[in-house]
N, C-alpha and C. Protein backbone atom coordinates (compact mmCIF):
# COMPACT_ATOMS: atom_id res chain seq x y z
N UNK A 1 -4.42 -13.63 11.25
CA UNK A 1 -3.44 -13.35 10.22
C UNK A 1 -3.01 -14.64 9.54
N UNK A 2 -2.57 -14.49 8.30
CA UNK A 2 -2.09 -15.65 7.57
C UNK A 2 -0.74 -16.07 8.12
N UNK A 3 -0.37 -17.33 7.88
CA UNK A 3 0.94 -17.80 8.27
C UNK A 3 2.00 -17.05 7.48
N UNK A 4 3.14 -16.83 8.13
CA UNK A 4 4.21 -16.11 7.45
C UNK A 4 4.84 -16.97 6.37
N UNK A 5 4.93 -16.42 5.19
CA UNK A 5 5.54 -17.09 4.05
C UNK A 5 6.67 -16.21 3.57
N UNK A 6 7.77 -16.81 3.17
CA UNK A 6 8.91 -16.03 2.72
C UNK A 6 8.51 -15.18 1.52
N UNK A 7 8.84 -13.89 1.54
CA UNK A 7 8.45 -13.03 0.43
C UNK A 7 9.15 -13.43 -0.87
N UNK A 8 8.49 -13.14 -1.97
CA UNK A 8 9.09 -13.32 -3.29
C UNK A 8 9.78 -12.02 -3.68
N UNK A 9 11.06 -12.09 -3.98
CA UNK A 9 11.83 -10.91 -4.37
C UNK A 9 12.01 -10.88 -5.88
N UNK A 10 11.63 -9.77 -6.48
CA UNK A 10 11.84 -9.54 -7.91
C UNK A 10 12.73 -8.31 -8.05
N UNK A 11 13.91 -8.49 -8.64
CA UNK A 11 14.82 -7.37 -8.87
C UNK A 11 14.70 -6.96 -10.33
N UNK A 12 14.35 -5.70 -10.55
CA UNK A 12 14.07 -5.25 -11.91
C UNK A 12 14.61 -3.84 -12.10
N UNK A 13 15.17 -3.55 -13.28
CA UNK A 13 15.63 -2.19 -13.54
C UNK A 13 14.48 -1.19 -13.63
N UNK A 14 13.30 -1.69 -13.98
CA UNK A 14 12.11 -0.85 -14.11
C UNK A 14 11.06 -1.37 -13.14
N UNK A 15 11.02 -0.80 -11.95
CA UNK A 15 10.08 -1.26 -10.93
C UNK A 15 8.64 -1.09 -11.40
N UNK A 16 8.35 0.06 -11.97
CA UNK A 16 6.98 0.34 -12.39
C UNK A 16 6.51 -0.66 -13.45
N UNK A 17 7.38 -0.95 -14.42
CA UNK A 17 7.01 -1.90 -15.46
C UNK A 17 6.78 -3.29 -14.91
N UNK A 18 7.66 -3.74 -14.01
CA UNK A 18 7.51 -5.06 -13.41
C UNK A 18 6.24 -5.14 -12.57
N UNK A 19 5.95 -4.07 -11.82
CA UNK A 19 4.75 -4.05 -11.00
C UNK A 19 3.49 -4.01 -11.86
N UNK A 20 3.54 -3.28 -12.98
CA UNK A 20 2.39 -3.22 -13.87
C UNK A 20 2.09 -4.60 -14.45
N UNK A 21 3.13 -5.35 -14.79
CA UNK A 21 2.92 -6.71 -15.31
C UNK A 21 2.19 -7.57 -14.29
N UNK A 22 2.60 -7.49 -13.03
CA UNK A 22 1.95 -8.27 -11.97
C UNK A 22 0.50 -7.81 -11.77
N UNK A 23 0.30 -6.50 -11.80
CA UNK A 23 -1.04 -5.96 -11.62
C UNK A 23 -1.96 -6.46 -12.72
N UNK A 24 -1.49 -6.40 -13.96
CA UNK A 24 -2.30 -6.84 -15.09
C UNK A 24 -2.62 -8.33 -14.99
N UNK A 25 -1.63 -9.12 -14.55
CA UNK A 25 -1.86 -10.56 -14.41
C UNK A 25 -2.89 -10.84 -13.31
N UNK A 26 -2.85 -10.09 -12.23
CA UNK A 26 -3.77 -10.30 -11.12
C UNK A 26 -5.18 -9.80 -11.43
N UNK A 27 -5.27 -8.71 -12.19
CA UNK A 27 -6.55 -8.08 -12.48
C UNK A 27 -7.39 -7.95 -11.19
N UNK A 28 -6.86 -7.25 -10.21
CA UNK A 28 -7.55 -7.20 -8.91
C UNK A 28 -8.86 -6.42 -8.99
N UNK A 29 -9.86 -6.93 -8.32
CA UNK A 29 -11.12 -6.20 -8.21
C UNK A 29 -11.07 -5.24 -7.02
N UNK A 30 -10.47 -5.69 -5.92
CA UNK A 30 -10.36 -4.87 -4.73
C UNK A 30 -8.88 -4.56 -4.49
N UNK A 31 -8.51 -3.29 -4.57
CA UNK A 31 -7.10 -2.92 -4.47
C UNK A 31 -6.96 -1.72 -3.53
N UNK A 32 -5.87 -1.73 -2.76
CA UNK A 32 -5.53 -0.58 -1.91
C UNK A 32 -4.24 0.02 -2.45
N UNK A 33 -4.27 1.30 -2.75
CA UNK A 33 -3.13 1.98 -3.33
C UNK A 33 -2.19 2.53 -2.27
N UNK A 34 -0.93 2.69 -2.67
CA UNK A 34 0.08 3.32 -1.83
C UNK A 34 0.31 4.75 -2.29
N UNK A 35 0.82 5.58 -1.41
CA UNK A 35 1.22 6.93 -1.76
C UNK A 35 2.72 7.00 -1.99
N UNK A 36 3.24 8.21 -2.00
CA UNK A 36 4.67 8.38 -2.18
C UNK A 36 5.07 8.51 -3.64
N UNK A 37 6.36 8.72 -3.87
CA UNK A 37 6.85 8.98 -5.22
C UNK A 37 7.01 7.72 -6.05
N UNK A 38 7.37 6.60 -5.44
CA UNK A 38 7.67 5.40 -6.21
C UNK A 38 6.47 4.86 -7.00
N UNK A 39 5.25 4.85 -6.46
CA UNK A 39 4.14 4.28 -7.22
C UNK A 39 3.63 5.14 -8.37
N UNK A 40 4.01 6.41 -8.43
CA UNK A 40 3.40 7.30 -9.43
C UNK A 40 3.57 6.76 -10.85
N UNK A 41 4.78 6.31 -11.19
CA UNK A 41 5.02 5.82 -12.54
C UNK A 41 4.19 4.56 -12.81
N UNK A 42 4.02 3.71 -11.80
CA UNK A 42 3.15 2.54 -11.96
C UNK A 42 1.74 2.98 -12.31
N UNK A 43 1.22 3.97 -11.59
CA UNK A 43 -0.14 4.42 -11.84
C UNK A 43 -0.28 5.00 -13.25
N UNK A 44 0.74 5.71 -13.70
CA UNK A 44 0.70 6.26 -15.06
C UNK A 44 0.66 5.16 -16.11
N UNK A 45 1.39 4.08 -15.87
CA UNK A 45 1.35 2.94 -16.79
C UNK A 45 -0.01 2.26 -16.76
N UNK A 46 -0.57 2.08 -15.58
CA UNK A 46 -1.85 1.41 -15.47
C UNK A 46 -2.98 2.22 -16.11
N UNK A 47 -2.83 3.52 -16.13
CA UNK A 47 -3.88 4.38 -16.66
C UNK A 47 -4.17 4.12 -18.14
N UNK A 48 -3.20 3.55 -18.85
CA UNK A 48 -3.40 3.28 -20.28
C UNK A 48 -3.56 1.79 -20.55
N UNK A 49 -3.73 1.00 -19.51
CA UNK A 49 -3.91 -0.44 -19.67
C UNK A 49 -5.40 -0.78 -19.82
N UNK A 50 -5.65 -1.80 -20.62
CA UNK A 50 -7.02 -2.27 -20.84
C UNK A 50 -7.38 -3.24 -19.70
N UNK A 51 -7.92 -2.68 -18.64
CA UNK A 51 -8.31 -3.45 -17.47
C UNK A 51 -9.78 -3.17 -17.15
N UNK A 52 -10.44 -4.08 -16.42
CA UNK A 52 -11.87 -3.88 -16.10
C UNK A 52 -12.05 -2.84 -14.99
N UNK A 53 -11.69 -1.61 -15.31
CA UNK A 53 -11.69 -0.56 -14.27
C UNK A 53 -13.09 -0.33 -13.71
N UNK A 54 -14.11 -0.45 -14.52
CA UNK A 54 -15.46 -0.17 -14.03
C UNK A 54 -15.90 -1.15 -12.95
N UNK A 55 -15.21 -2.27 -12.85
CA UNK A 55 -15.51 -3.27 -11.83
C UNK A 55 -14.52 -3.22 -10.67
N UNK A 56 -13.60 -2.28 -10.70
CA UNK A 56 -12.52 -2.22 -9.72
C UNK A 56 -12.87 -1.25 -8.59
N UNK A 57 -12.69 -1.72 -7.37
CA UNK A 57 -12.92 -0.90 -6.18
C UNK A 57 -11.56 -0.49 -5.63
N UNK A 58 -11.29 0.81 -5.62
CA UNK A 58 -9.98 1.34 -5.23
C UNK A 58 -10.06 1.99 -3.86
N UNK A 59 -9.26 1.50 -2.95
CA UNK A 59 -9.12 2.06 -1.61
C UNK A 59 -7.68 2.57 -1.44
N UNK A 60 -7.37 3.01 -0.24
CA UNK A 60 -6.02 3.50 0.05
C UNK A 60 -5.50 2.85 1.33
N UNK A 61 -4.19 2.58 1.33
CA UNK A 61 -3.58 1.97 2.51
C UNK A 61 -3.36 2.97 3.63
N UNK A 62 -3.11 4.22 3.25
CA UNK A 62 -2.94 5.27 4.25
C UNK A 62 -3.13 6.62 3.59
N UNK A 63 -3.25 7.63 4.42
CA UNK A 63 -3.45 8.99 3.90
C UNK A 63 -3.04 10.00 4.95
N UNK A 64 -2.44 11.08 4.50
CA UNK A 64 -2.18 12.21 5.39
C UNK A 64 -3.48 12.97 5.61
N UNK A 65 -3.61 13.53 6.79
CA UNK A 65 -4.84 14.25 7.12
C UNK A 65 -4.75 15.67 6.58
N UNK A 66 -4.95 15.75 5.27
CA UNK A 66 -4.93 17.02 4.54
C UNK A 66 -6.08 16.98 3.53
N UNK A 67 -6.49 18.12 3.00
CA UNK A 67 -7.53 18.11 1.97
C UNK A 67 -7.06 17.35 0.72
N UNK A 68 -8.00 16.86 -0.08
CA UNK A 68 -7.64 16.03 -1.23
C UNK A 68 -6.86 16.75 -2.32
N UNK A 69 -6.85 18.10 -2.30
CA UNK A 69 -6.07 18.83 -3.28
C UNK A 69 -4.73 19.31 -2.72
N UNK A 70 -4.38 18.87 -1.53
CA UNK A 70 -3.12 19.27 -0.89
C UNK A 70 -1.95 18.56 -1.56
N UNK A 71 -0.80 19.22 -1.70
CA UNK A 71 0.36 18.57 -2.33
C UNK A 71 0.81 17.28 -1.65
N UNK A 72 0.54 17.13 -0.36
CA UNK A 72 0.96 15.93 0.37
C UNK A 72 -0.08 14.82 0.35
N UNK A 73 -1.20 15.03 -0.32
CA UNK A 73 -2.27 14.04 -0.33
C UNK A 73 -1.94 12.85 -1.22
N UNK A 74 -2.03 11.65 -0.68
CA UNK A 74 -1.87 10.44 -1.48
C UNK A 74 -2.96 10.36 -2.54
N UNK A 75 -4.17 10.76 -2.17
CA UNK A 75 -5.27 10.74 -3.13
C UNK A 75 -4.97 11.65 -4.31
N UNK A 76 -4.46 12.84 -4.04
CA UNK A 76 -4.17 13.77 -5.13
C UNK A 76 -3.20 13.15 -6.13
N UNK A 77 -2.12 12.56 -5.64
CA UNK A 77 -1.15 11.95 -6.54
C UNK A 77 -1.78 10.84 -7.36
N UNK A 78 -2.52 9.95 -6.71
CA UNK A 78 -3.15 8.83 -7.42
C UNK A 78 -4.20 9.32 -8.40
N UNK A 79 -4.91 10.38 -8.03
CA UNK A 79 -5.93 10.93 -8.92
C UNK A 79 -5.28 11.50 -10.18
N UNK A 80 -4.21 12.25 -10.01
CA UNK A 80 -3.53 12.85 -11.16
C UNK A 80 -2.95 11.79 -12.09
N UNK A 81 -2.34 10.76 -11.49
CA UNK A 81 -1.62 9.76 -12.29
C UNK A 81 -2.53 8.69 -12.88
N UNK A 82 -3.63 8.37 -12.18
CA UNK A 82 -4.43 7.21 -12.57
C UNK A 82 -5.93 7.45 -12.50
N UNK A 83 -6.41 7.83 -11.35
CA UNK A 83 -7.85 7.73 -11.09
C UNK A 83 -8.69 8.69 -11.92
N UNK A 84 -8.11 9.80 -12.33
CA UNK A 84 -8.84 10.73 -13.18
C UNK A 84 -8.95 10.22 -14.61
N UNK A 85 -8.25 9.14 -14.91
CA UNK A 85 -8.16 8.65 -16.29
C UNK A 85 -8.84 7.30 -16.50
N UNK A 86 -9.39 6.73 -15.44
CA UNK A 86 -10.07 5.45 -15.54
C UNK A 86 -11.42 5.55 -14.83
N UNK A 87 -12.25 4.53 -15.02
CA UNK A 87 -13.61 4.55 -14.48
C UNK A 87 -13.77 3.68 -13.24
N UNK A 88 -12.75 3.60 -12.42
CA UNK A 88 -12.82 2.79 -11.21
C UNK A 88 -13.74 3.44 -10.17
N UNK A 89 -14.24 2.61 -9.25
CA UNK A 89 -14.99 3.12 -8.11
C UNK A 89 -13.98 3.41 -7.00
N UNK A 90 -13.86 4.66 -6.64
CA UNK A 90 -12.79 5.12 -5.76
C UNK A 90 -13.34 5.44 -4.38
N UNK A 91 -12.61 4.99 -3.37
CA UNK A 91 -12.99 5.21 -1.97
C UNK A 91 -11.84 5.92 -1.26
N UNK A 92 -11.76 7.24 -1.38
CA UNK A 92 -10.65 7.97 -0.74
C UNK A 92 -10.78 7.93 0.79
N UNK A 93 -9.66 7.92 1.46
CA UNK A 93 -9.68 8.12 2.90
C UNK A 93 -10.04 9.59 3.18
N UNK A 94 -10.82 9.86 4.23
CA UNK A 94 -11.24 11.24 4.50
C UNK A 94 -10.14 12.06 5.17
N UNK A 95 -9.15 12.43 4.36
CA UNK A 95 -8.03 13.17 4.92
C UNK A 95 -8.43 14.50 5.52
N UNK A 96 -9.43 15.15 4.92
CA UNK A 96 -9.82 16.48 5.41
C UNK A 96 -10.43 16.42 6.81
N UNK A 97 -11.03 15.29 7.20
CA UNK A 97 -11.62 15.16 8.53
C UNK A 97 -10.81 14.23 9.43
N UNK A 98 -9.95 13.41 8.84
CA UNK A 98 -9.13 12.44 9.58
C UNK A 98 -10.00 11.52 10.43
N UNK A 99 -11.09 11.07 9.83
CA UNK A 99 -12.09 10.29 10.55
C UNK A 99 -11.90 8.80 10.26
N UNK A 100 -11.21 8.11 11.16
CA UNK A 100 -10.95 6.69 10.97
C UNK A 100 -12.24 5.89 10.99
N UNK A 101 -13.17 6.24 11.85
CA UNK A 101 -14.43 5.49 11.95
C UNK A 101 -15.22 5.58 10.64
N UNK A 102 -15.16 6.72 9.98
CA UNK A 102 -15.88 6.87 8.72
C UNK A 102 -15.33 5.93 7.66
N UNK A 103 -14.01 5.74 7.63
CA UNK A 103 -13.44 4.84 6.63
C UNK A 103 -13.72 3.38 6.99
N UNK A 104 -13.77 3.08 8.27
CA UNK A 104 -14.19 1.74 8.67
C UNK A 104 -15.61 1.46 8.19
N UNK A 105 -16.48 2.44 8.30
CA UNK A 105 -17.85 2.28 7.82
C UNK A 105 -17.87 2.04 6.31
N UNK A 106 -16.99 2.73 5.58
CA UNK A 106 -16.92 2.52 4.13
C UNK A 106 -16.44 1.11 3.81
N UNK A 107 -15.46 0.62 4.55
CA UNK A 107 -15.00 -0.76 4.36
C UNK A 107 -16.13 -1.75 4.65
N UNK A 108 -16.89 -1.50 5.69
CA UNK A 108 -18.00 -2.38 6.03
C UNK A 108 -19.06 -2.36 4.94
N UNK A 109 -19.32 -1.20 4.38
CA UNK A 109 -20.33 -1.08 3.33
C UNK A 109 -19.96 -1.94 2.11
N UNK A 110 -18.67 -2.01 1.80
CA UNK A 110 -18.22 -2.74 0.62
C UNK A 110 -17.94 -4.21 0.93
N UNK A 111 -17.28 -4.48 2.05
CA UNK A 111 -16.81 -5.83 2.35
C UNK A 111 -17.69 -6.58 3.34
N UNK A 112 -18.57 -5.89 4.03
CA UNK A 112 -19.31 -6.54 5.11
C UNK A 112 -18.56 -6.42 6.42
N UNK A 113 -19.02 -7.15 7.41
CA UNK A 113 -18.46 -6.99 8.76
C UNK A 113 -17.20 -7.79 9.00
N UNK A 114 -16.89 -8.75 8.14
CA UNK A 114 -15.67 -9.54 8.32
C UNK A 114 -14.44 -8.76 7.91
N UNK A 115 -13.26 -9.37 8.06
CA UNK A 115 -12.04 -8.70 7.65
C UNK A 115 -12.06 -8.41 6.15
N UNK A 116 -11.77 -7.18 5.72
CA UNK A 116 -11.71 -6.89 4.29
C UNK A 116 -10.61 -7.73 3.64
N UNK A 117 -10.93 -8.37 2.53
CA UNK A 117 -9.92 -9.17 1.83
C UNK A 117 -9.63 -8.53 0.48
N UNK A 118 -8.56 -7.75 0.45
CA UNK A 118 -8.16 -7.12 -0.80
C UNK A 118 -7.47 -8.14 -1.70
N UNK A 119 -7.71 -8.01 -2.99
CA UNK A 119 -6.96 -8.83 -3.95
C UNK A 119 -5.50 -8.39 -4.02
N UNK A 120 -5.28 -7.10 -3.84
CA UNK A 120 -3.93 -6.55 -3.92
C UNK A 120 -3.82 -5.32 -3.04
N UNK A 121 -2.77 -5.28 -2.24
CA UNK A 121 -2.42 -4.09 -1.47
C UNK A 121 -1.03 -3.66 -1.92
N UNK A 122 -0.92 -2.43 -2.38
CA UNK A 122 0.37 -1.87 -2.76
C UNK A 122 0.97 -1.15 -1.57
N UNK A 123 2.26 -1.39 -1.33
CA UNK A 123 2.92 -0.85 -0.15
C UNK A 123 4.30 -0.31 -0.50
N UNK A 124 4.75 0.63 0.31
CA UNK A 124 6.12 1.11 0.23
C UNK A 124 6.91 0.61 1.42
N UNK A 125 8.18 0.98 1.44
CA UNK A 125 9.07 0.59 2.54
C UNK A 125 9.91 1.80 2.90
N UNK A 126 9.77 2.27 4.14
CA UNK A 126 10.54 3.42 4.58
C UNK A 126 11.93 3.03 5.05
N UNK A 127 12.81 4.00 5.17
CA UNK A 127 14.17 3.71 5.61
C UNK A 127 14.18 3.19 7.04
N UNK A 128 13.12 3.50 7.80
CA UNK A 128 13.01 3.00 9.18
C UNK A 128 12.21 1.70 9.25
N UNK A 129 11.85 1.16 8.08
CA UNK A 129 11.09 -0.09 8.06
C UNK A 129 9.59 0.08 8.12
N UNK A 130 9.10 1.31 8.09
CA UNK A 130 7.64 1.48 8.15
C UNK A 130 7.01 1.14 6.82
N UNK A 131 5.73 0.85 6.87
CA UNK A 131 4.94 0.65 5.66
C UNK A 131 3.55 1.18 5.93
N UNK A 132 2.84 1.61 4.85
CA UNK A 132 1.62 2.41 5.03
C UNK A 132 1.98 3.52 6.02
N UNK A 133 1.19 3.74 7.06
CA UNK A 133 1.60 4.68 8.11
C UNK A 133 1.73 3.95 9.44
N UNK A 134 2.35 2.77 9.36
CA UNK A 134 2.65 1.96 10.54
C UNK A 134 4.14 2.08 10.80
N UNK A 135 4.49 2.83 11.85
CA UNK A 135 5.87 3.19 12.13
C UNK A 135 6.42 2.43 13.33
N UNK A 136 7.75 2.22 13.38
CA UNK A 136 8.34 1.50 14.51
C UNK A 136 7.95 2.15 15.84
N UNK A 137 7.54 1.31 16.77
CA UNK A 137 7.22 1.78 18.11
C UNK A 137 5.87 2.44 18.27
N UNK A 138 5.12 2.62 17.19
CA UNK A 138 3.82 3.28 17.30
C UNK A 138 2.78 2.30 17.82
N UNK A 139 1.89 2.75 18.71
CA UNK A 139 0.84 1.85 19.24
C UNK A 139 -0.04 1.25 18.15
N UNK A 140 -0.14 1.89 17.00
CA UNK A 140 -0.98 1.37 15.92
C UNK A 140 -0.55 -0.01 15.46
N UNK A 141 0.73 -0.33 15.65
CA UNK A 141 1.24 -1.65 15.26
C UNK A 141 0.55 -2.78 16.01
N UNK A 142 0.06 -2.50 17.18
CA UNK A 142 -0.52 -3.55 18.04
C UNK A 142 -2.04 -3.56 18.01
N UNK A 143 -2.64 -2.76 17.16
CA UNK A 143 -4.10 -2.71 17.08
C UNK A 143 -4.60 -3.90 16.28
N UNK A 144 -5.47 -4.69 16.90
CA UNK A 144 -6.03 -5.86 16.23
C UNK A 144 -7.55 -5.81 16.12
N UNK A 145 -8.18 -4.85 16.79
CA UNK A 145 -9.65 -4.79 16.82
C UNK A 145 -10.21 -3.64 16.00
N UNK A 146 -9.36 -2.99 15.22
CA UNK A 146 -9.79 -1.91 14.35
C UNK A 146 -9.22 -2.14 12.96
N UNK A 147 -9.91 -1.63 11.97
CA UNK A 147 -9.42 -1.76 10.60
C UNK A 147 -8.71 -0.51 10.11
N UNK A 148 -9.04 0.60 10.72
CA UNK A 148 -8.42 1.89 10.38
C UNK A 148 -8.14 2.65 11.66
N UNK A 149 -6.96 3.24 11.76
CA UNK A 149 -6.63 4.04 12.94
C UNK A 149 -5.98 5.35 12.50
N UNK A 150 -6.02 6.30 13.41
CA UNK A 150 -5.35 7.59 13.23
C UNK A 150 -3.99 7.51 13.89
N UNK A 151 -2.98 8.03 13.22
CA UNK A 151 -1.60 7.99 13.70
C UNK A 151 -1.05 9.41 13.74
N UNK A 152 -0.42 9.79 14.83
CA UNK A 152 0.20 11.10 14.93
C UNK A 152 1.61 11.06 14.35
N UNK A 153 1.93 12.02 13.50
CA UNK A 153 3.26 12.13 12.90
C UNK A 153 3.69 13.59 12.94
N UNK A 154 5.01 13.85 12.83
CA UNK A 154 5.49 15.24 12.93
C UNK A 154 4.95 16.16 11.84
N UNK A 155 4.74 15.62 10.62
CA UNK A 155 4.28 16.49 9.53
C UNK A 155 2.77 16.68 9.56
N UNK A 156 2.04 15.56 9.45
CA UNK A 156 0.58 15.58 9.49
C UNK A 156 0.10 14.35 10.24
N UNK A 157 -1.02 14.42 10.95
CA UNK A 157 -1.66 13.18 11.39
C UNK A 157 -2.01 12.35 10.16
N UNK A 158 -2.17 11.06 10.36
CA UNK A 158 -2.46 10.18 9.22
C UNK A 158 -3.53 9.16 9.60
N UNK A 159 -4.16 8.63 8.56
CA UNK A 159 -5.00 7.45 8.68
C UNK A 159 -4.27 6.29 8.04
N UNK A 160 -4.44 5.10 8.61
CA UNK A 160 -3.79 3.92 8.03
C UNK A 160 -4.64 2.68 8.26
N UNK A 161 -4.61 1.80 7.29
CA UNK A 161 -5.14 0.46 7.53
C UNK A 161 -4.25 -0.23 8.55
N UNK A 162 -4.84 -1.12 9.33
CA UNK A 162 -4.09 -1.82 10.36
C UNK A 162 -3.49 -3.11 9.82
N UNK A 163 -2.59 -3.70 10.60
CA UNK A 163 -1.92 -4.92 10.17
C UNK A 163 -2.88 -6.07 9.87
N UNK A 164 -3.94 -6.29 10.66
CA UNK A 164 -4.85 -7.38 10.30
C UNK A 164 -5.46 -7.22 8.91
N UNK A 165 -5.72 -5.99 8.50
CA UNK A 165 -6.28 -5.75 7.16
C UNK A 165 -5.23 -6.01 6.09
N UNK A 166 -4.04 -5.47 6.27
CA UNK A 166 -2.97 -5.68 5.29
C UNK A 166 -2.64 -7.16 5.18
N UNK A 167 -2.66 -7.87 6.29
CA UNK A 167 -2.29 -9.28 6.28
C UNK A 167 -3.38 -10.19 5.75
N UNK A 168 -4.60 -9.67 5.64
CA UNK A 168 -5.69 -10.46 5.07
C UNK A 168 -5.70 -10.41 3.55
N UNK A 169 -4.86 -9.58 2.95
CA UNK A 169 -4.84 -9.43 1.49
C UNK A 169 -4.35 -10.71 0.82
N UNK A 170 -4.87 -10.96 -0.37
CA UNK A 170 -4.36 -12.10 -1.15
C UNK A 170 -2.92 -11.86 -1.58
N UNK A 171 -2.63 -10.62 -1.99
CA UNK A 171 -1.28 -10.26 -2.41
C UNK A 171 -0.93 -8.90 -1.82
N UNK A 172 0.23 -8.81 -1.19
CA UNK A 172 0.80 -7.53 -0.78
C UNK A 172 2.05 -7.31 -1.62
N UNK A 173 2.11 -6.19 -2.32
CA UNK A 173 3.22 -5.92 -3.22
C UNK A 173 3.97 -4.68 -2.74
N UNK A 174 5.22 -4.86 -2.33
CA UNK A 174 6.07 -3.76 -1.92
C UNK A 174 6.85 -3.24 -3.12
N UNK A 175 6.92 -1.93 -3.27
CA UNK A 175 7.74 -1.29 -4.28
C UNK A 175 8.89 -0.60 -3.56
N UNK A 176 10.12 -1.01 -3.88
CA UNK A 176 11.29 -0.56 -3.10
C UNK A 176 12.34 -0.03 -4.06
N UNK A 177 12.73 1.23 -3.86
CA UNK A 177 13.64 1.87 -4.79
C UNK A 177 14.72 2.65 -4.05
N UNK A 178 15.95 2.53 -4.53
CA UNK A 178 17.03 3.38 -4.04
C UNK A 178 17.95 2.73 -3.02
N UNK A 179 19.17 3.19 -3.01
CA UNK A 179 20.19 2.61 -2.12
C UNK A 179 19.84 2.80 -0.65
N UNK A 180 19.10 3.87 -0.33
CA UNK A 180 18.73 4.11 1.07
C UNK A 180 17.81 3.04 1.62
N UNK A 181 17.19 2.27 0.72
CA UNK A 181 16.28 1.21 1.16
C UNK A 181 16.97 -0.16 1.27
N UNK A 182 18.28 -0.19 1.03
CA UNK A 182 18.97 -1.48 1.01
C UNK A 182 18.92 -2.18 2.37
N UNK A 183 19.18 -1.43 3.43
CA UNK A 183 19.17 -2.05 4.76
C UNK A 183 17.76 -2.45 5.20
N UNK A 184 16.76 -1.58 5.07
CA UNK A 184 15.40 -2.04 5.43
C UNK A 184 14.93 -3.21 4.58
N UNK A 185 15.34 -3.26 3.30
CA UNK A 185 14.96 -4.40 2.47
C UNK A 185 15.63 -5.67 2.98
N UNK A 186 16.89 -5.57 3.36
CA UNK A 186 17.58 -6.74 3.93
C UNK A 186 16.84 -7.23 5.17
N UNK A 187 16.42 -6.30 6.00
CA UNK A 187 15.72 -6.67 7.23
C UNK A 187 14.35 -7.27 6.93
N UNK A 188 13.67 -6.73 5.93
CA UNK A 188 12.37 -7.28 5.55
C UNK A 188 12.51 -8.71 5.06
N UNK A 189 13.50 -8.97 4.22
CA UNK A 189 13.71 -10.31 3.69
C UNK A 189 14.13 -11.29 4.78
N UNK A 190 14.86 -10.77 5.78
CA UNK A 190 15.33 -11.63 6.87
C UNK A 190 14.27 -11.85 7.94
N UNK A 191 13.14 -11.16 7.82
CA UNK A 191 12.08 -11.32 8.81
C UNK A 191 12.36 -10.62 10.12
N UNK A 192 13.28 -9.64 10.10
CA UNK A 192 13.54 -8.84 11.29
C UNK A 192 12.27 -8.07 11.66
N UNK A 193 12.08 -7.83 12.96
CA UNK A 193 10.83 -7.24 13.42
C UNK A 193 10.77 -5.74 13.12
N UNK A 194 10.49 -5.43 11.86
CA UNK A 194 10.17 -4.07 11.46
C UNK A 194 8.70 -4.08 11.03
N UNK A 195 8.04 -2.93 11.02
CA UNK A 195 6.62 -2.94 10.66
C UNK A 195 6.31 -3.64 9.35
N UNK A 196 7.13 -3.42 8.32
CA UNK A 196 6.85 -4.04 7.02
C UNK A 196 6.86 -5.56 7.10
N UNK A 197 7.72 -6.11 7.94
CA UNK A 197 7.82 -7.56 8.05
C UNK A 197 6.63 -8.17 8.79
N UNK A 198 5.82 -7.34 9.41
CA UNK A 198 4.63 -7.84 10.08
C UNK A 198 3.43 -8.01 9.14
N UNK A 199 3.59 -7.56 7.91
CA UNK A 199 2.54 -7.78 6.91
C UNK A 199 2.67 -9.21 6.40
N UNK A 200 1.71 -10.04 6.71
CA UNK A 200 1.79 -11.47 6.40
C UNK A 200 0.62 -11.87 5.51
N UNK A 201 0.55 -11.21 4.37
CA UNK A 201 -0.48 -11.54 3.39
C UNK A 201 -0.25 -12.94 2.85
N UNK A 202 -1.23 -13.47 2.14
CA UNK A 202 -1.11 -14.82 1.59
C UNK A 202 0.10 -14.92 0.67
N UNK A 203 0.38 -13.86 -0.09
CA UNK A 203 1.54 -13.83 -0.97
C UNK A 203 2.14 -12.44 -0.88
N UNK A 204 3.40 -12.36 -0.51
CA UNK A 204 4.10 -11.08 -0.41
C UNK A 204 5.13 -11.02 -1.53
N UNK A 205 5.01 -9.99 -2.37
CA UNK A 205 5.94 -9.77 -3.47
C UNK A 205 6.69 -8.47 -3.19
N UNK A 206 8.00 -8.51 -3.34
CA UNK A 206 8.82 -7.30 -3.22
C UNK A 206 9.45 -7.04 -4.58
N UNK A 207 9.13 -5.92 -5.18
CA UNK A 207 9.75 -5.53 -6.44
C UNK A 207 10.73 -4.40 -6.14
N UNK A 208 12.00 -4.68 -6.34
CA UNK A 208 13.06 -3.75 -5.96
C UNK A 208 13.98 -3.47 -7.14
N UNK A 209 14.57 -2.29 -7.15
CA UNK A 209 15.57 -2.01 -8.17
C UNK A 209 16.94 -2.49 -7.69
N UNK A 210 17.93 -2.41 -8.58
CA UNK A 210 19.26 -2.94 -8.26
C UNK A 210 19.88 -2.20 -7.09
N UNK A 211 19.63 -0.89 -6.99
CA UNK A 211 20.22 -0.11 -5.90
C UNK A 211 19.72 -0.58 -4.55
N UNK A 212 18.42 -0.85 -4.46
CA UNK A 212 17.87 -1.32 -3.19
C UNK A 212 18.28 -2.75 -2.89
N UNK A 213 18.34 -3.58 -3.94
CA UNK A 213 18.68 -4.99 -3.75
C UNK A 213 20.17 -5.20 -3.54
N UNK A 214 20.97 -4.22 -3.93
CA UNK A 214 22.41 -4.35 -3.73
C UNK A 214 23.09 -5.24 -4.74
N UNK A 215 22.48 -5.39 -5.91
CA UNK A 215 23.09 -6.20 -6.96
C UNK A 215 22.51 -5.81 -8.29
N UNK A 216 23.08 -6.30 -9.36
CA UNK A 216 22.55 -6.06 -10.69
C UNK A 216 21.48 -7.10 -10.99
N UNK A 217 20.49 -6.69 -11.76
CA UNK A 217 19.42 -7.62 -12.13
C UNK A 217 19.95 -8.68 -13.06
């Protein structure tokens, strides 16, 4: 893993717009997308941006083990907002089979046998401090010899990239919105041992709104 570097905090009234600016500046070739409600607006903005999509390899940080047309599918949301509108090469996680080994094989096919090095990994922050599908107290947090693991959750089993993969990224960008995220954001910035704080990419950017940051921009 990379050495821990203090995250860069950006407080913006428009998280999606601020994140889109960073995405455009980075022009990532290898990117892992996040699910959830917060990234949707970002994806809609990116869908109309002039970027080299045909050269972009799109992966996912995590996925619920559901079919790709299921309402809870991260792939479905990203497909509707972005992927159906651009010519990127897309590598969905196999939610319908929940096959972690199959996604590891896909990573190997694209990146080779070494640690995958994403140009950009997009991440969320849960109220409990989780990110991707790495939750407090889950054994997946301690996995260092796998790139993808299956995680049991009350709603659906999930697939998730492991911490070594997230930490190998050139840039990890957290999107944090809402007052309910104020305490986990404080803990992330303070380096408290929550799952999100274990992501030690080369550069960690946190884009938060005023409600989450607890101040006006």
